Amino acid sequence: MENLNYSVIWAIVFSGIFLWVGMLTGVWKYYQIRYSAQARAHYYVDIAHRSSLLYAPASLILAVLAYFSVWIEEINLIFVLINLFFFSFSILSYILHGWLKDTTNQFKQPHQMGRWHLPKWVLSSAMLLLVIGELVATAGLLGGAMIGLFKI
């Protein structure tokens, strides 16, 4: 096998991690469904399960884009790590809300994290950084891959 760049390696490894977390949260979801009077898991346990399973193939797509990208490895690695950070951050926040059972809508005000109320700017800032980070980093990888694939 040829040597893969770290951007590709990290994306592949995190794809596997997200798949595994999706399976673990699936067990948690099943347990809650099984023992719930309403036969339902907590809202954020369900979201953690689904998002983990969706971020797994998304990370593989990042690996492919990084593989074909013409940018230097350091740039590709930064783009991949930005996405993996925000994917992980999202999943962990969903798991935390599912564990604490503190809300069924993290955007509902006041923003709840367990027994604490978070200032409005915390969630707004996190979401703004997530949106900008993921869109810019993915566009960068896509642009680099398109240039490489079409020899633009």
N, C-alpha and C. Protein backbone atom coordinates (compact mmCIF):
# COMPACT_ATOMS: atom_id res chain seq x y z
N MET A 1 0.85 -1.18 0.00
CA MET A 1 0.00 0.00 0.00
C MET A 1 0.89 1.23 0.00
N GLU A 2 0.50 2.20 -0.78
CA GLU A 2 1.29 3.43 -0.83
C GLU A 2 1.12 4.22 0.47
N ASN A 3 2.04 5.12 0.72
CA ASN A 3 1.95 5.94 1.92
C ASN A 3 0.85 6.97 1.75
N LEU A 4 -0.02 7.02 2.72
CA LEU A 4 -1.10 7.99 2.71
C LEU A 4 -0.71 9.19 3.55
N ASN A 5 -1.18 10.36 3.16
CA ASN A 5 -0.93 11.57 3.94
C ASN A 5 -1.76 11.52 5.22
N TYR A 6 -1.32 12.31 6.21
CA TYR A 6 -2.02 12.34 7.49
C TYR A 6 -3.46 12.84 7.35
N SER A 7 -3.71 13.73 6.42
CA SER A 7 -5.08 14.21 6.24
C SER A 7 -6.01 13.06 5.88
N VAL A 8 -5.55 12.18 5.02
CA VAL A 8 -6.34 11.02 4.61
C VAL A 8 -6.45 10.02 5.76
N ILE A 9 -5.34 9.77 6.42
CA ILE A 9 -5.32 8.81 7.53
C ILE A 9 -6.27 9.25 8.64
N TRP A 10 -6.19 10.52 9.06
CA TRP A 10 -7.06 11.01 10.14
C TRP A 10 -8.53 10.90 9.75
N ALA A 11 -8.85 11.23 8.51
CA ALA A 11 -10.24 11.15 8.07
C ALA A 11 -10.74 9.70 8.09
N ILE A 12 -9.91 8.76 7.66
CA ILE A 12 -10.30 7.35 7.67
C ILE A 12 -10.47 6.84 9.11
N VAL A 13 -9.51 7.17 9.97
CA VAL A 13 -9.58 6.72 11.36
C VAL A 13 -10.83 7.27 12.04
N PHE A 14 -11.10 8.56 11.84
CA PHE A 14 -12.29 9.13 12.48
C PHE A 14 -13.58 8.60 11.87
N SER A 15 -13.55 8.19 10.62
CA SER A 15 -14.71 7.54 10.04
C SER A 15 -15.04 6.27 10.83
N GLY A 16 -14.01 5.51 11.13
CA GLY A 16 -14.20 4.30 11.94
C GLY A 16 -14.66 4.62 13.35
N ILE A 17 -14.09 5.66 13.95
CA ILE A 17 -14.50 6.07 15.30
C ILE A 17 -15.97 6.48 15.30
N PHE A 18 -16.35 7.30 14.33
CA PHE A 18 -17.75 7.74 14.27
C PHE A 18 -18.70 6.56 14.05
N LEU A 19 -18.30 5.60 13.22
CA LEU A 19 -19.11 4.41 13.02
C LEU A 19 -19.27 3.65 14.33
N TRP A 20 -18.18 3.48 15.05
CA TRP A 20 -18.21 2.76 16.33
C TRP A 20 -19.06 3.49 17.36
N VAL A 21 -18.92 4.81 17.43
CA VAL A 21 -19.75 5.60 18.35
C VAL A 21 -21.22 5.49 17.94
N GLY A 22 -21.48 5.46 16.65
CA GLY A 22 -22.85 5.26 16.18
C GLY A 22 -23.41 3.92 16.63
N MET A 23 -22.59 2.90 16.61
CA MET A 23 -23.03 1.59 17.08
C MET A 23 -23.26 1.59 18.59
N LEU A 24 -22.35 2.21 19.33
CA LEU A 24 -22.51 2.28 20.79
C LEU A 24 -23.76 3.07 21.18
N THR A 25 -23.96 4.21 20.52
CA THR A 25 -25.16 4.99 20.83
C THR A 25 -26.42 4.27 20.35
N GLY A 26 -26.28 3.41 19.36
CA GLY A 26 -27.40 2.58 18.93
C GLY A 26 -27.81 1.59 20.01
N VAL A 27 -26.83 1.02 20.70
CA VAL A 27 -27.12 0.13 21.83
C VAL A 27 -27.82 0.92 22.94
N TRP A 28 -27.30 2.11 23.22
CA TRP A 28 -27.89 2.99 24.24
C TRP A 28 -29.33 3.35 23.86
N LYS A 29 -29.52 3.68 22.57
CA LYS A 29 -30.85 4.02 22.07
C LYS A 29 -31.80 2.83 22.23
N TYR A 30 -31.35 1.65 21.84
CA TYR A 30 -32.18 0.46 21.97
C TYR A 30 -32.54 0.21 23.44
N TYR A 31 -31.57 0.36 24.34
CA TYR A 31 -31.81 0.16 25.76
C TYR A 31 -32.90 1.11 26.26
N GLN A 32 -32.79 2.38 25.87
CA GLN A 32 -33.80 3.35 26.30
C GLN A 32 -35.18 3.04 25.70
N ILE A 33 -35.20 2.63 24.45
CA ILE A 33 -36.48 2.26 23.83
C ILE A 33 -37.08 1.06 24.56
N ARG A 34 -36.26 0.10 24.85
CA ARG A 34 -36.72 -1.14 25.49
C ARG A 34 -37.32 -0.90 26.87
N TYR A 35 -36.73 0.03 27.61
CA TYR A 35 -37.15 0.23 29.00
C TYR A 35 -37.92 1.53 29.23
N SER A 36 -38.32 2.17 28.16
CA SER A 36 -39.11 3.40 28.28
C SER A 36 -40.59 3.06 28.22
N ALA A 37 -41.36 3.74 29.04
CA ALA A 37 -42.82 3.53 29.02
C ALA A 37 -43.41 3.91 27.66
N GLN A 38 -42.80 4.89 27.00
CA GLN A 38 -43.29 5.33 25.68
C GLN A 38 -42.58 4.60 24.53
N ALA A 39 -41.69 3.66 24.85
CA ALA A 39 -40.90 2.93 23.85
C ALA A 39 -40.12 3.88 22.94
N ARG A 40 -39.53 4.90 23.57
CA ARG A 40 -38.72 5.89 22.85
C ARG A 40 -37.44 6.18 23.60
N ALA A 41 -36.41 6.48 22.85
CA ALA A 41 -35.15 6.94 23.44
C ALA A 41 -35.23 8.45 23.60
N HIS A 42 -34.38 8.98 24.46
CA HIS A 42 -34.30 10.43 24.59
C HIS A 42 -33.94 11.04 23.24
N TYR A 43 -34.50 12.20 22.97
CA TYR A 43 -34.31 12.90 21.70
C TYR A 43 -32.84 12.99 21.31
N TYR A 44 -31.98 13.39 22.24
CA TYR A 44 -30.57 13.59 21.90
C TYR A 44 -29.77 12.29 21.84
N VAL A 45 -30.26 11.22 22.43
CA VAL A 45 -29.64 9.91 22.24
C VAL A 45 -29.86 9.50 20.78
N ASP A 46 -31.07 9.71 20.29
CA ASP A 46 -31.39 9.41 18.90
C ASP A 46 -30.55 10.26 17.94
N ILE A 47 -30.41 11.54 18.24
CA ILE A 47 -29.62 12.43 17.39
C ILE A 47 -28.15 12.02 17.41
N ALA A 48 -27.62 11.69 18.58
CA ALA A 48 -26.22 11.26 18.68
C ALA A 48 -25.99 10.01 17.84
N HIS A 49 -26.93 9.08 17.91
CA HIS A 49 -26.83 7.84 17.13
C HIS A 49 -26.82 8.13 15.63
N ARG A 50 -27.78 8.89 15.17
CA ARG A 50 -27.90 9.17 13.74
C ARG A 50 -26.74 10.03 13.22
N SER A 51 -26.37 11.05 13.97
CA SER A 51 -25.31 11.93 13.50
C SER A 51 -23.98 11.18 13.43
N SER A 52 -23.72 10.31 14.38
CA SER A 52 -22.48 9.52 14.34
C SER A 52 -22.43 8.67 13.08
N LEU A 53 -23.55 8.04 12.77
CA LEU A 53 -23.60 7.19 11.58
C LEU A 53 -23.49 8.01 10.29
N LEU A 54 -23.97 9.25 10.30
CA LEU A 54 -23.85 10.10 9.11
C LEU A 54 -22.45 10.71 8.98
N TYR A 55 -21.82 11.02 10.10
CA TYR A 55 -20.47 11.59 10.04
C TYR A 55 -19.43 10.55 9.63
N ALA A 56 -19.71 9.26 9.81
CA ALA A 56 -18.77 8.22 9.39
C ALA A 56 -18.52 8.26 7.88
N PRO A 57 -19.55 8.18 7.04
CA PRO A 57 -19.27 8.28 5.60
C PRO A 57 -18.83 9.68 5.18
N ALA A 58 -19.29 10.71 5.88
CA ALA A 58 -18.85 12.07 5.56
C ALA A 58 -17.33 12.17 5.73
N SER A 59 -16.81 11.51 6.76
CA SER A 59 -15.36 11.54 6.98
C SER A 59 -14.62 10.79 5.88
N LEU A 60 -15.21 9.72 5.37
CA LEU A 60 -14.59 9.02 4.24
C LEU A 60 -14.57 9.90 3.00
N ILE A 61 -15.61 10.69 2.81
CA ILE A 61 -15.63 11.62 1.68
C ILE A 61 -14.53 12.65 1.85
N LEU A 62 -14.32 13.13 3.07
CA LEU A 62 -13.21 14.06 3.33
C LEU A 62 -11.88 13.41 2.99
N ALA A 63 -11.73 12.12 3.32
CA ALA A 63 -10.49 11.40 3.00
C ALA A 63 -10.25 11.37 1.50
N VAL A 64 -11.29 11.10 0.74
CA VAL A 64 -11.17 11.04 -0.72
C VAL A 64 -10.83 12.43 -1.28
N LEU A 65 -11.51 13.46 -0.78
CA LEU A 65 -11.23 14.82 -1.25
C LEU A 65 -9.79 15.21 -0.92
N ALA A 66 -9.34 14.89 0.29
CA ALA A 66 -7.95 15.21 0.67
C ALA A 66 -6.96 14.43 -0.19
N TYR A 67 -7.29 13.20 -0.52
CA TYR A 67 -6.41 12.36 -1.33
C TYR A 67 -6.19 12.97 -2.72
N PHE A 68 -7.24 13.50 -3.31
CA PHE A 68 -7.14 14.05 -4.66
C PHE A 68 -6.83 15.54 -4.70
N SER A 69 -6.80 16.18 -3.56
CA SER A 69 -6.56 17.62 -3.51
C SER A 69 -5.14 17.98 -3.93
N VAL A 70 -5.02 19.09 -4.62
CA VAL A 70 -3.70 19.56 -5.07
C VAL A 70 -3.00 20.42 -4.02
N TRP A 71 -3.70 20.80 -2.96
CA TRP A 71 -3.09 21.66 -1.96
C TRP A 71 -1.99 20.91 -1.22
N ILE A 72 -1.09 21.66 -0.62
CA ILE A 72 -0.04 21.02 0.18
C ILE A 72 -0.68 20.29 1.35
N GLU A 73 0.00 19.28 1.84
CA GLU A 73 -0.55 18.43 2.89
C GLU A 73 -0.96 19.21 4.13
N GLU A 74 -0.22 20.21 4.50
CA GLU A 74 -0.54 20.98 5.70
C GLU A 74 -1.93 21.64 5.58
N ILE A 75 -2.23 22.15 4.40
CA ILE A 75 -3.55 22.78 4.17
C ILE A 75 -4.65 21.73 4.19
N ASN A 76 -4.43 20.61 3.50
CA ASN A 76 -5.42 19.53 3.51
C ASN A 76 -5.66 19.03 4.93
N LEU A 77 -4.59 18.89 5.70
CA LEU A 77 -4.72 18.41 7.07
C LEU A 77 -5.54 19.39 7.91
N ILE A 78 -5.28 20.66 7.76
CA ILE A 78 -6.05 21.67 8.49
C ILE A 78 -7.52 21.59 8.11
N PHE A 79 -7.82 21.48 6.82
CA PHE A 79 -9.21 21.38 6.37
C PHE A 79 -9.89 20.14 6.96
N VAL A 80 -9.20 19.01 6.94
CA VAL A 80 -9.77 17.78 7.48
C VAL A 80 -9.97 17.90 8.99
N LEU A 81 -8.97 18.40 9.70
CA LEU A 81 -9.07 18.50 11.16
C LEU A 81 -10.16 19.46 11.60
N ILE A 82 -10.36 20.53 10.86
CA ILE A 82 -11.46 21.45 11.19
C ILE A 82 -12.79 20.71 11.15
N ASN A 83 -13.02 19.96 10.08
CA ASN A 83 -14.26 19.20 9.96
C ASN A 83 -14.38 18.14 11.05
N LEU A 84 -13.31 17.40 11.30
CA LEU A 84 -13.36 16.34 12.31
C LEU A 84 -13.59 16.92 13.70
N PHE A 85 -13.02 18.07 13.97
CA PHE A 85 -13.24 18.73 15.26
C PHE A 85 -14.72 19.06 15.44
N PHE A 86 -15.32 19.69 14.44
CA PHE A 86 -16.72 20.08 14.58
C PHE A 86 -17.67 18.89 14.54
N PHE A 87 -17.35 17.85 13.76
CA PHE A 87 -18.15 16.63 13.79
C PHE A 87 -18.13 16.05 15.21
N SER A 88 -16.92 15.94 15.78
CA SER A 88 -16.76 15.38 17.12
C SER A 88 -17.45 16.23 18.17
N PHE A 89 -17.28 17.54 18.06
CA PHE A 89 -17.92 18.48 18.99
C PHE A 89 -19.43 18.29 18.98
N SER A 90 -20.01 18.17 17.79
CA SER A 90 -21.45 17.99 17.67
C SER A 90 -21.91 16.69 18.32
N ILE A 91 -21.25 15.61 17.99
CA ILE A 91 -21.63 14.31 18.54
C ILE A 91 -21.52 14.31 20.07
N LEU A 92 -20.41 14.85 20.57
CA LEU A 92 -20.23 14.89 22.02
C LEU A 92 -21.29 15.75 22.72
N SER A 93 -21.67 16.85 22.09
CA SER A 93 -22.72 17.68 22.71
C SER A 93 -24.05 16.94 22.71
N TYR A 94 -24.34 16.17 21.66
CA TYR A 94 -25.57 15.40 21.62
C TYR A 94 -25.55 14.30 22.69
N ILE A 95 -24.42 13.64 22.82
CA ILE A 95 -24.29 12.60 23.85
C ILE A 95 -24.48 13.20 25.24
N LEU A 96 -23.89 14.36 25.46
CA LEU A 96 -24.02 15.01 26.76
C LEU A 96 -25.48 15.37 27.07
N HIS A 97 -26.17 15.95 26.10
CA HIS A 97 -27.59 16.27 26.30
C HIS A 97 -28.41 15.00 26.51
N GLY A 98 -28.08 13.93 25.79
CA GLY A 98 -28.78 12.66 25.98
C GLY A 98 -28.52 12.06 27.35
N TRP A 99 -27.30 12.19 27.82
CA TRP A 99 -26.95 11.66 29.14
C TRP A 99 -27.62 12.45 30.26
N LEU A 100 -27.57 13.78 30.13
CA LEU A 100 -28.14 14.64 31.15
C LEU A 100 -29.67 14.73 31.08
N LYS A 101 -30.22 14.42 29.90
CA LYS A 101 -31.66 14.55 29.66
C LYS A 101 -32.14 15.95 30.06
N ASP A 102 -31.35 16.94 29.68
CA ASP A 102 -31.62 18.32 30.12
C ASP A 102 -32.46 19.13 29.15
N THR A 103 -32.57 18.68 27.91
CA THR A 103 -33.34 19.43 26.92
C THR A 103 -33.70 18.52 25.76
N THR A 104 -34.70 18.91 25.03
CA THR A 104 -35.00 18.26 23.76
C THR A 104 -34.76 19.23 22.60
N ASN A 105 -34.22 20.42 22.94
CA ASN A 105 -33.88 21.41 21.91
C ASN A 105 -32.78 22.31 22.46
N GLN A 106 -31.56 22.05 22.02
CA GLN A 106 -30.42 22.81 22.55
C GLN A 106 -30.48 24.30 22.20
N PHE A 107 -31.34 24.68 21.27
CA PHE A 107 -31.47 26.09 20.89
C PHE A 107 -32.54 26.82 21.69
N LYS A 108 -33.32 26.07 22.45
CA LYS A 108 -34.34 26.68 23.29
C LYS A 108 -33.67 27.52 24.38
N GLN A 109 -34.21 28.71 24.58
CA GLN A 109 -33.63 29.60 25.59
C GLN A 109 -34.39 29.49 26.89
N PRO A 110 -33.75 29.53 28.03
CA PRO A 110 -32.30 29.67 28.18
C PRO A 110 -31.61 28.36 27.80
N HIS A 111 -30.41 28.50 27.24
CA HIS A 111 -29.65 27.32 26.80
C HIS A 111 -29.23 26.52 28.02
N GLN A 112 -29.65 25.27 28.03
CA GLN A 112 -29.46 24.40 29.19
C GLN A 112 -28.29 23.46 28.96
N MET A 113 -27.43 23.31 29.96
CA MET A 113 -26.38 22.28 29.95
C MET A 113 -26.38 21.69 31.35
N GLY A 114 -27.13 20.59 31.50
CA GLY A 114 -27.32 20.04 32.84
C GLY A 114 -28.13 21.01 33.67
N ARG A 115 -27.63 21.36 34.82
CA ARG A 115 -28.35 22.31 35.69
C ARG A 115 -27.93 23.75 35.45
N TRP A 116 -26.99 23.94 34.53
CA TRP A 116 -26.49 25.29 34.24
C TRP A 116 -27.17 25.88 33.02
N HIS A 117 -27.28 27.20 33.04
CA HIS A 117 -27.77 27.95 31.89
C HIS A 117 -26.57 28.62 31.24
N LEU A 118 -26.44 28.41 29.95
CA LEU A 118 -25.33 29.01 29.21
C LEU A 118 -25.76 30.36 28.64
N PRO A 119 -24.83 31.31 28.61
CA PRO A 119 -25.15 32.59 27.97
C PRO A 119 -25.48 32.37 26.49
N LYS A 120 -26.36 33.20 25.97
CA LYS A 120 -26.81 33.07 24.58
C LYS A 120 -25.63 33.11 23.60
N TRP A 121 -24.63 33.93 23.90
CA TRP A 121 -23.50 34.10 22.98
C TRP A 121 -22.68 32.81 22.84
N VAL A 122 -22.71 31.92 23.84
CA VAL A 122 -21.90 30.70 23.77
C VAL A 122 -22.39 29.81 22.64
N LEU A 123 -23.69 29.52 22.62
CA LEU A 123 -24.23 28.66 21.56
C LEU A 123 -24.18 29.36 20.21
N SER A 124 -24.48 30.65 20.19
CA SER A 124 -24.44 31.40 18.92
C SER A 124 -23.03 31.39 18.34
N SER A 125 -22.04 31.62 19.17
CA SER A 125 -20.65 31.63 18.71
C SER A 125 -20.21 30.25 18.23
N ALA A 126 -20.59 29.22 19.00
CA ALA A 126 -20.22 27.86 18.62
C ALA A 126 -20.83 27.49 17.27
N MET A 127 -22.10 27.84 17.07
CA MET A 127 -22.76 27.51 15.81
C MET A 127 -22.17 28.29 14.64
N LEU A 128 -21.86 29.56 14.87
CA LEU A 128 -21.25 30.37 13.81
C LEU A 128 -19.89 29.80 13.41
N LEU A 129 -19.07 29.45 14.40
CA LEU A 129 -17.77 28.86 14.09
C LEU A 129 -17.92 27.52 13.38
N LEU A 130 -18.88 26.71 13.81
CA LEU A 130 -19.12 25.42 13.17
C LEU A 130 -19.51 25.61 11.71
N VAL A 131 -20.46 26.49 11.45
CA VAL A 131 -20.93 26.71 10.08
C VAL A 131 -19.80 27.22 9.20
N ILE A 132 -19.11 28.25 9.65
CA ILE A 132 -18.02 28.81 8.85
C ILE A 132 -16.90 27.79 8.68
N GLY A 133 -16.53 27.13 9.77
CA GLY A 133 -15.43 26.16 9.71
C GLY A 133 -15.72 25.03 8.75
N GLU A 134 -16.88 24.40 8.90
CA GLU A 134 -17.20 23.26 8.04
C GLU A 134 -17.36 23.66 6.58
N LEU A 135 -18.04 24.78 6.33
CA LEU A 135 -18.25 25.20 4.94
C LEU A 135 -16.94 25.59 4.26
N VAL A 136 -16.11 26.37 4.93
CA VAL A 136 -14.84 26.80 4.33
C VAL A 136 -13.89 25.62 4.15
N ALA A 137 -13.77 24.79 5.17
CA ALA A 137 -12.84 23.66 5.09
C ALA A 137 -13.27 22.66 4.01
N THR A 138 -14.56 22.38 3.93
CA THR A 138 -15.03 21.44 2.92
C THR A 138 -14.91 22.04 1.53
N ALA A 139 -15.23 23.32 1.39
CA ALA A 139 -15.07 23.98 0.09
C ALA A 139 -13.60 23.96 -0.34
N GLY A 140 -12.69 24.16 0.61
CA GLY A 140 -11.27 24.11 0.30
C GLY A 140 -10.84 22.74 -0.21
N LEU A 141 -11.29 21.70 0.47
CA LEU A 141 -10.95 20.34 0.02
C LEU A 141 -11.59 20.04 -1.33
N LEU A 142 -12.84 20.43 -1.49
CA LEU A 142 -13.53 20.19 -2.76
C LEU A 142 -12.84 20.92 -3.90
N GLY A 143 -12.49 22.17 -3.66
CA GLY A 143 -11.78 22.93 -4.69
C GLY A 143 -10.46 22.30 -5.06
N GLY A 144 -9.68 21.89 -4.06
CA GLY A 144 -8.40 21.23 -4.32
C GLY A 144 -8.56 19.92 -5.07
N ALA A 145 -9.61 19.15 -4.74
CA ALA A 145 -9.86 17.89 -5.43
C ALA A 145 -10.32 18.12 -6.86
N MET A 146 -11.17 19.13 -7.06
CA MET A 146 -11.64 19.42 -8.42
C MET A 146 -10.49 19.85 -9.31
N ILE A 147 -9.62 20.67 -8.79
CA ILE A 147 -8.45 21.10 -9.57
C ILE A 147 -7.61 19.87 -9.92
N GLY A 148 -7.40 18.99 -8.94
CA GLY A 148 -6.61 17.79 -9.18
C GLY A 148 -7.26 16.83 -10.15
N LEU A 149 -8.55 16.66 -10.04
CA LEU A 149 -9.24 15.70 -10.89
C LEU A 149 -9.44 16.19 -12.32
N PHE A 150 -9.74 17.48 -12.46
CA PHE A 150 -9.98 18.03 -13.79
C PHE A 150 -8.75 18.68 -14.39
N LYS A 151 -7.68 18.67 -13.64
CA LYS A 151 -6.40 19.26 -14.10
C LYS A 151 -6.61 20.71 -14.57
N ILE A 152 -7.35 21.43 -13.74
CA ILE A 152 -7.67 22.83 -14.06
C ILE A 152 -6.41 23.67 -13.96
